[in-house]
PDB file of all heavy atoms in Angstrom:
ATOM      1  N   SER A   1       5.567   8.606   2.169  1.00  0.00           N
ATOM      2  CA  SER A   1       4.985   7.317   2.539  1.00  0.00           C
ATOM      3  C   SER A   1       5.979   6.408   3.244  1.00  0.00           C
ATOM      4  O   SER A   1       5.625   5.324   3.694  1.00  0.00           O
ATOM      5  CB  SER A   1       4.436   6.618   1.297  1.00  0.00           C
ATOM      6  OG  SER A   1       5.490   6.319   0.407  1.00  0.00           O
ATOM      7  N   GLY A   2       7.240   6.825   3.363  1.00  0.00           N
ATOM      8  CA  GLY A   2       8.217   6.044   4.105  1.00  0.00           C
ATOM      9  C   GLY A   2       9.034   5.095   3.269  1.00  0.00           C
ATOM     10  O   GLY A   2       9.781   4.285   3.815  1.00  0.00           O
ATOM     11  N   LEU A   3       8.931   5.178   1.958  1.00  0.00           N
ATOM     12  CA  LEU A   3       9.681   4.250   1.108  1.00  0.00           C
ATOM     13  C   LEU A   3      11.168   4.555   1.073  1.00  0.00           C
ATOM     14  O   LEU A   3      11.974   3.676   0.780  1.00  0.00           O
ATOM     15  CB  LEU A   3       9.126   4.275  -0.317  1.00  0.00           C
ATOM     16  CG  LEU A   3       7.718   3.716  -0.476  1.00  0.00           C
ATOM     17  CD1 LEU A   3       7.257   3.891  -1.906  1.00  0.00           C
ATOM     18  CD2 LEU A   3       7.676   2.259  -0.080  1.00  0.00           C
ATOM     19  N   LEU A   4      11.549   5.782   1.358  1.00  0.00           N
ATOM     20  CA  LEU A   4      12.961   6.147   1.313  1.00  0.00           C
ATOM     21  C   LEU A   4      13.608   6.093   2.691  1.00  0.00           C
ATOM     22  O   LEU A   4      14.759   6.472   2.863  1.00  0.00           O
ATOM     23  CB  LEU A   4      13.119   7.552   0.719  1.00  0.00           C
ATOM     24  CG  LEU A   4      12.573   7.734  -0.692  1.00  0.00           C
ATOM     25  CD1 LEU A   4      12.767   9.164  -1.150  1.00  0.00           C
ATOM     26  CD2 LEU A   4      13.243   6.783  -1.654  1.00  0.00           C
ATOM     27  N   GLY A   5      12.884   5.604   3.674  1.00  0.00           N
ATOM     28  CA  GLY A   5      13.415   5.509   5.024  1.00  0.00           C
ATOM     29  C   GLY A   5      14.120   4.193   5.256  1.00  0.00           C
ATOM     30  O   GLY A   5      14.592   3.532   4.325  1.00  0.00           O
ATOM     31  N   GLY A   6      14.187   3.774   6.498  1.00  0.00           N
ATOM     32  CA  GLY A   6      14.851   2.528   6.863  1.00  0.00           C
ATOM     33  C   GLY A   6      13.987   1.315   6.555  1.00  0.00           C
ATOM     34  O   GLY A   6      12.906   1.407   5.961  1.00  0.00           O
ATOM     35  N   GLY A   7      14.473   0.159   6.973  1.00  0.00           N
ATOM     36  CA  GLY A   7      13.771  -1.091   6.708  1.00  0.00           C
ATOM     37  C   GLY A   7      12.427  -1.195   7.403  1.00  0.00           C
ATOM     38  O   GLY A   7      11.458  -1.698   6.839  1.00  0.00           O
ATOM     39  N   LYS A   8      12.364  -0.703   8.636  1.00  0.00           N
ATOM     40  CA  LYS A   8      11.096  -0.768   9.374  1.00  0.00           C
ATOM     41  C   LYS A   8      10.047   0.127   8.729  1.00  0.00           C
ATOM     42  O   LYS A   8       8.888  -0.269   8.596  1.00  0.00           O
ATOM     43  CB  LYS A   8      11.313  -0.362  10.828  1.00  0.00           C
ATOM     44  CG  LYS A   8      12.122  -1.367  11.610  1.00  0.00           C
ATOM     45  CD  LYS A   8      12.308  -0.937  13.038  1.00  0.00           C
ATOM     46  CE  LYS A   8      13.176  -1.941  13.775  1.00  0.00           C
ATOM     47  NZ  LYS A   8      13.425  -1.540  15.154  1.00  0.00           N
ATOM     48  N   GLU A   9      10.466   1.330   8.322  1.00  0.00           N
ATOM     49  CA  GLU A   9       9.515   2.232   7.658  1.00  0.00           C
ATOM     50  C   GLU A   9       9.063   1.654   6.322  1.00  0.00           C
ATOM     51  O   GLU A   9       7.908   1.796   5.938  1.00  0.00           O
ATOM     52  CB  GLU A   9      10.157   3.598   7.435  1.00  0.00           C
ATOM     53  CG  GLU A   9      10.424   4.362   8.706  1.00  0.00           C
ATOM     54  CD  GLU A   9      11.198   5.636   8.459  1.00  0.00           C
ATOM     55  OE1 GLU A   9      11.719   5.812   7.345  1.00  0.00           O
ATOM     56  OE2 GLU A   9      11.286   6.443   9.386  1.00  0.00           O
ATOM     57  N   GLY A  10       9.985   0.987   5.622  1.00  0.00           N
ATOM     58  CA  GLY A  10       9.631   0.365   4.346  1.00  0.00           C
ATOM     59  C   GLY A  10       8.644  -0.758   4.511  1.00  0.00           C
ATOM     60  O   GLY A  10       7.708  -0.910   3.722  1.00  0.00           O
ATOM     61  N   SER A  11       8.814  -1.582   5.568  1.00  0.00           N
ATOM     62  CA  SER A  11       7.856  -2.675   5.757  1.00  0.00           C
ATOM     63  C   SER A  11       6.498  -2.162   6.200  1.00  0.00           C
ATOM     64  O   SER A  11       5.476  -2.736   5.838  1.00  0.00           O
ATOM     65  CB  SER A  11       8.372  -3.729   6.721  1.00  0.00           C
ATOM     66  OG  SER A  11       9.063  -3.239   7.761  1.00  0.00           O
ATOM     67  N   VAL A  12       6.468  -1.062   6.933  1.00  0.00           N
ATOM     68  CA  VAL A  12       5.184  -0.454   7.297  1.00  0.00           C
ATOM     69  C   VAL A  12       4.491   0.073   6.042  1.00  0.00           C
ATOM     70  O   VAL A  12       3.279  -0.116   5.852  1.00  0.00           O
ATOM     71  CB  VAL A  12       5.383   0.667   8.347  1.00  0.00           C
ATOM     72  CG1 VAL A  12       4.125   1.486   8.512  1.00  0.00           C
ATOM     73  CG2 VAL A  12       5.822   0.082   9.662  1.00  0.00           C
ATOM     74  N   ALA A  13       5.263   0.719   5.159  1.00  0.00           N
ATOM     75  CA  ALA A  13       4.691   1.240   3.912  1.00  0.00           C
ATOM     76  C   ALA A  13       4.190   0.094   3.037  1.00  0.00           C
ATOM     77  O   ALA A  13       3.138   0.199   2.398  1.00  0.00           O
ATOM     78  CB  ALA A  13       5.729   2.066   3.162  1.00  0.00           C
ATOM     79  N   LEU A  14       4.924  -1.015   2.991  1.00  0.00           N
ATOM     80  CA  LEU A  14       4.486  -2.172   2.208  1.00  0.00           C
ATOM     81  C   LEU A  14       3.192  -2.754   2.767  1.00  0.00           C
ATOM     82  O   LEU A  14       2.295  -3.111   2.004  1.00  0.00           O
ATOM     83  CB  LEU A  14       5.579  -3.239   2.181  1.00  0.00           C
ATOM     84  CG  LEU A  14       5.263  -4.503   1.411  1.00  0.00           C
ATOM     85  CD1 LEU A  14       5.042  -4.191  -0.069  1.00  0.00           C
ATOM     86  CD2 LEU A  14       6.390  -5.515   1.562  1.00  0.00           C
ATOM     87  N   ALA A  15       3.079  -2.819   4.087  1.00  0.00           N
ATOM     88  CA  ALA A  15       1.842  -3.321   4.699  1.00  0.00           C
ATOM     89  C   ALA A  15       0.662  -2.412   4.376  1.00  0.00           C
ATOM     90  O   ALA A  15      -0.436  -2.891   4.077  1.00  0.00           O
ATOM     91  CB  ALA A  15       2.021  -3.451   6.208  1.00  0.00           C
ATOM     92  N   ARG A  16       0.892  -1.094   4.397  1.00  0.00           N
ATOM     93  CA  ARG A  16      -0.177  -0.161   4.032  1.00  0.00           C
ATOM     94  C   ARG A  16      -0.586  -0.330   2.581  1.00  0.00           C
ATOM     95  O   ARG A  16      -1.770  -0.281   2.240  1.00  0.00           O
ATOM     96  CB  ARG A  16       0.265   1.280   4.275  1.00  0.00           C
ATOM     97  CG  ARG A  16       0.173   1.694   5.722  1.00  0.00           C
ATOM     98  CD  ARG A  16       0.459   3.144   5.857  1.00  0.00           C
ATOM     99  NE  ARG A  16       1.866   3.328   5.439  1.00  0.00           N
ATOM    100  CZ  ARG A  16       2.527   4.455   5.491  1.00  0.00           C
ATOM    101  NH1 ARG A  16       1.940   5.539   5.889  1.00  0.00           N
ATOM    102  NH2 ARG A  16       3.786   4.520   5.130  1.00  0.00           N
ATOM    103  N   ALA A  17       0.394  -0.544   1.706  1.00  0.00           N
ATOM    104  CA  ALA A  17       0.085  -0.725   0.282  1.00  0.00           C
ATOM    105  C   ALA A  17      -0.683  -2.017   0.062  1.00  0.00           C
ATOM    106  O   ALA A  17      -1.632  -2.063  -0.729  1.00  0.00           O
ATOM    107  CB  ALA A  17       1.371  -0.723  -0.541  1.00  0.00           C
ATOM    108  N   LYS A  18      -0.288  -3.084   0.750  1.00  0.00           N
ATOM    109  CA  LYS A  18      -1.002  -4.360   0.616  1.00  0.00           C
ATOM    110  C   LYS A  18      -2.443  -4.242   1.085  1.00  0.00           C
ATOM    111  O   LYS A  18      -3.331  -4.894   0.549  1.00  0.00           O
ATOM    112  CB  LYS A  18      -0.290  -5.461   1.417  1.00  0.00           C
ATOM    113  CG  LYS A  18       0.934  -6.004   0.754  1.00  0.00           C
ATOM    114  CD  LYS A  18       1.522  -7.138   1.585  1.00  0.00           C
ATOM    115  CE  LYS A  18       2.737  -7.730   0.935  1.00  0.00           C
ATOM    116  NZ  LYS A  18       3.329  -8.808   1.748  1.00  0.00           N
ATOM    117  N   ALA A  19      -2.674  -3.399   2.076  1.00  0.00           N
ATOM    118  CA  ALA A  19      -4.034  -3.221   2.577  1.00  0.00           C
ATOM    119  C   ALA A  19      -4.856  -2.299   1.681  1.00  0.00           C
ATOM    120  O   ALA A  19      -6.073  -2.455   1.588  1.00  0.00           O
ATOM    121  CB  ALA A  19      -3.988  -2.655   3.994  1.00  0.00           C
ATOM    122  N   ALA A  20      -4.213  -1.355   0.997  1.00  0.00           N
ATOM    123  CA  ALA A  20      -4.950  -0.350   0.233  1.00  0.00           C
ATOM    124  C   ALA A  20      -5.189  -0.737  -1.220  1.00  0.00           C
ATOM    125  O   ALA A  20      -6.181  -0.323  -1.812  1.00  0.00           O
ATOM    126  CB  ALA A  20      -4.206   0.982   0.286  1.00  0.00           C
ATOM    127  N   VAL A  21      -4.307  -1.502  -1.819  1.00  0.00           N
ATOM    128  CA  VAL A  21      -4.404  -1.770  -3.251  1.00  0.00           C
ATOM    129  C   VAL A  21      -5.610  -2.637  -3.627  1.00  0.00           C
ATOM    130  O   VAL A  21      -6.344  -2.279  -4.549  1.00  0.00           O
ATOM    131  CB  VAL A  21      -3.078  -2.363  -3.780  1.00  0.00           C
ATOM    132  CG1 VAL A  21      -3.231  -2.908  -5.175  1.00  0.00           C
ATOM    133  CG2 VAL A  21      -1.995  -1.297  -3.748  1.00  0.00           C
ATOM    134  N   PRO A  22      -5.882  -3.763  -2.967  1.00  0.00           N
ATOM    135  CA  PRO A  22      -7.023  -4.582  -3.404  1.00  0.00           C
ATOM    136  C   PRO A  22      -8.370  -3.856  -3.386  1.00  0.00           C
ATOM    137  O   PRO A  22      -9.127  -3.973  -4.356  1.00  0.00           O
ATOM    138  CB  PRO A  22      -7.002  -5.777  -2.451  1.00  0.00           C
ATOM    139  CG  PRO A  22      -5.583  -5.899  -2.034  1.00  0.00           C
ATOM    140  CD  PRO A  22      -5.081  -4.481  -1.966  1.00  0.00           C
ATOM    141  N   PRO A  23      -8.719  -3.084  -2.343  1.00  0.00           N
ATOM    142  CA  PRO A  23      -9.993  -2.361  -2.411  1.00  0.00           C
ATOM    143  C   PRO A  23     -10.027  -1.334  -3.539  1.00  0.00           C
ATOM    144  O   PRO A  23     -11.064  -1.148  -4.184  1.00  0.00           O
ATOM    145  CB  PRO A  23     -10.101  -1.672  -1.050  1.00  0.00           C
ATOM    146  CG  PRO A  23      -9.210  -2.422  -0.144  1.00  0.00           C
ATOM    147  CD  PRO A  23      -8.117  -2.952  -1.002  1.00  0.00           C
ATOM    148  N   ALA A  24      -8.897  -0.686  -3.798  1.00  0.00           N
ATOM    149  CA  ALA A  24      -8.861   0.310  -4.874  1.00  0.00           C
ATOM    150  C   ALA A  24      -9.044  -0.359  -6.231  1.00  0.00           C
ATOM    151  O   ALA A  24      -9.778   0.146  -7.089  1.00  0.00           O
ATOM    152  CB  ALA A  24      -7.536   1.070  -4.832  1.00  0.00           C
ATOM    153  N   VAL A  25      -8.410  -1.494  -6.445  1.00  0.00           N
ATOM    154  CA  VAL A  25      -8.552  -2.213  -7.713  1.00  0.00           C
ATOM    155  C   VAL A  25      -9.987  -2.686  -7.889  1.00  0.00           C
ATOM    156  O   VAL A  25     -10.560  -2.600  -8.984  1.00  0.00           O
ATOM    157  CB  VAL A  25      -7.554  -3.399  -7.785  1.00  0.00           C
ATOM    158  CG1 VAL A  25      -7.856  -4.295  -8.964  1.00  0.00           C
ATOM    159  CG2 VAL A  25      -6.130  -2.882  -7.859  1.00  0.00           C
ATOM    160  N   GLU A  26     -10.599  -3.167  -6.807  1.00  0.00           N
ATOM    161  CA  GLU A  26     -12.000  -3.609  -6.879  1.00  0.00           C
ATOM    162  C   GLU A  26     -12.919  -2.443  -7.245  1.00  0.00           C
ATOM    163  O   GLU A  26     -13.818  -2.585  -8.073  1.00  0.00           O
ATOM    164  CB  GLU A  26     -12.415  -4.215  -5.538  1.00  0.00           C
ATOM    165  CG  GLU A  26     -13.814  -4.761  -5.535  1.00  0.00           C
ATOM    166  CD  GLU A  26     -14.175  -5.370  -4.189  1.00  0.00           C
ATOM    167  OE1 GLU A  26     -13.277  -5.839  -3.479  1.00  0.00           O
ATOM    168  OE2 GLU A  26     -15.372  -5.356  -3.867  1.00  0.00           O
ATOM    169  N   GLU A  27     -12.662  -1.290  -6.657  1.00  0.00           N
ATOM    170  CA  GLU A  27     -13.476  -0.114  -6.964  1.00  0.00           C
ATOM    171  C   GLU A  27     -13.307   0.305  -8.424  1.00  0.00           C
ATOM    172  O   GLU A  27     -14.281   0.649  -9.101  1.00  0.00           O
ATOM    173  CB  GLU A  27     -13.075   1.036  -6.038  1.00  0.00           C
ATOM    174  CG  GLU A  27     -13.874   2.292  -6.236  1.00  0.00           C
ATOM    175  CD  GLU A  27     -13.434   3.396  -5.295  1.00  0.00           C
ATOM    176  OE1 GLU A  27     -12.949   3.096  -4.187  1.00  0.00           O
ATOM    177  OE2 GLU A  27     -13.570   4.568  -5.683  1.00  0.00           O
ATOM    178  N   TRP A  28     -12.086   0.269  -8.917  1.00  0.00           N
ATOM    179  CA  TRP A  28     -11.837   0.650 -10.308  1.00  0.00           C
ATOM    180  C   TRP A  28     -12.491  -0.324 -11.280  1.00  0.00           C
ATOM    181  O   TRP A  28     -13.014   0.077 -12.308  1.00  0.00           O
ATOM    182  CB  TRP A  28     -10.349   0.720 -10.595  1.00  0.00           C
ATOM    183  CG  TRP A  28      -9.645   1.854  -9.910  1.00  0.00           C
ATOM    184  CD1 TRP A  28     -10.205   3.004  -9.425  1.00  0.00           C
ATOM    185  CD2 TRP A  28      -8.263   1.940  -9.629  1.00  0.00           C
ATOM    186  NE1 TRP A  28      -9.257   3.805  -8.850  1.00  0.00           N
ATOM    187  CE2 TRP A  28      -8.040   3.172  -8.967  1.00  0.00           C
ATOM    188  CE3 TRP A  28      -7.181   1.111  -9.846  1.00  0.00           C
ATOM    189  CZ2 TRP A  28      -6.784   3.570  -8.551  1.00  0.00           C
ATOM    190  CZ3 TRP A  28      -5.932   1.519  -9.436  1.00  0.00           C
ATOM    191  CH2 TRP A  28      -5.747   2.731  -8.795  1.00  0.00           C
ATOM    192  N   THR A  29     -12.441  -1.629 -10.968  1.00  0.00           N
ATOM    193  CA  THR A  29     -13.063  -2.602 -11.879  1.00  0.00           C
ATOM    194  C   THR A  29     -14.571  -2.409 -11.926  1.00  0.00           C
ATOM    195  O   THR A  29     -15.182  -2.569 -12.983  1.00  0.00           O
ATOM    196  CB  THR A  29     -12.725  -4.041 -11.465  1.00  0.00           C
ATOM    197  OG1 THR A  29     -13.122  -4.260 -10.116  1.00  0.00           O
ATOM    198  CG2 THR A  29     -11.256  -4.335 -11.634  1.00  0.00           C
ATOM    199  N   LYS A  30     -15.180  -2.059 -10.795  1.00  0.00           N
ATOM    200  CA  LYS A  30     -16.617  -1.780 -10.803  1.00  0.00           C
ATOM    201  C   LYS A  30     -16.926  -0.515 -11.608  1.00  0.00           C
ATOM    202  O   LYS A  30     -17.902  -0.461 -12.342  1.00  0.00           O
ATOM    203  CB  LYS A  30     -17.136  -1.625  -9.374  1.00  0.00           C
ATOM    204  CG  LYS A  30     -17.219  -2.922  -8.618  1.00  0.00           C
ATOM    205  CD  LYS A  30     -17.729  -2.689  -7.210  1.00  0.00           C
ATOM    206  CE  LYS A  30     -17.748  -3.972  -6.415  1.00  0.00           C
ATOM    207  NZ  LYS A  30     -18.161  -3.738  -5.022  1.00  0.00           N
ATOM    208  N   TYR A  31     -16.063   0.475 -11.464  1.00  0.00           N
ATOM    209  CA  TYR A  31     -16.280   1.736 -12.163  1.00  0.00           C
ATOM    210  C   TYR A  31     -16.152   1.564 -13.672  1.00  0.00           C
ATOM    211  O   TYR A  31     -16.965   2.068 -14.437  1.00  0.00           O
ATOM    212  CB  TYR A  31     -15.296   2.788 -11.660  1.00  0.00           C
ATOM    213  CG  TYR A  31     -15.422   4.118 -12.345  1.00  0.00           C
ATOM    214  CD1 TYR A  31     -16.460   4.987 -12.027  1.00  0.00           C
ATOM    215  CD2 TYR A  31     -14.514   4.504 -13.321  1.00  0.00           C
ATOM    216  CE1 TYR A  31     -16.587   6.213 -12.659  1.00  0.00           C
ATOM    217  CE2 TYR A  31     -14.629   5.727 -13.960  1.00  0.00           C
ATOM    218  CZ  TYR A  31     -15.674   6.579 -13.623  1.00  0.00           C
ATOM    219  OH  TYR A  31     -15.790   7.786 -14.253  1.00  0.00           O
TER     220      TYR A  31
END
């Protein structure tokens, strides 16, 4: 996922996580 790479790869991975986590949490709470 790019967490062990450089700073740019880490910020891209953080942006992906910020975009993916809220919908997943919403789905789990409904489930």
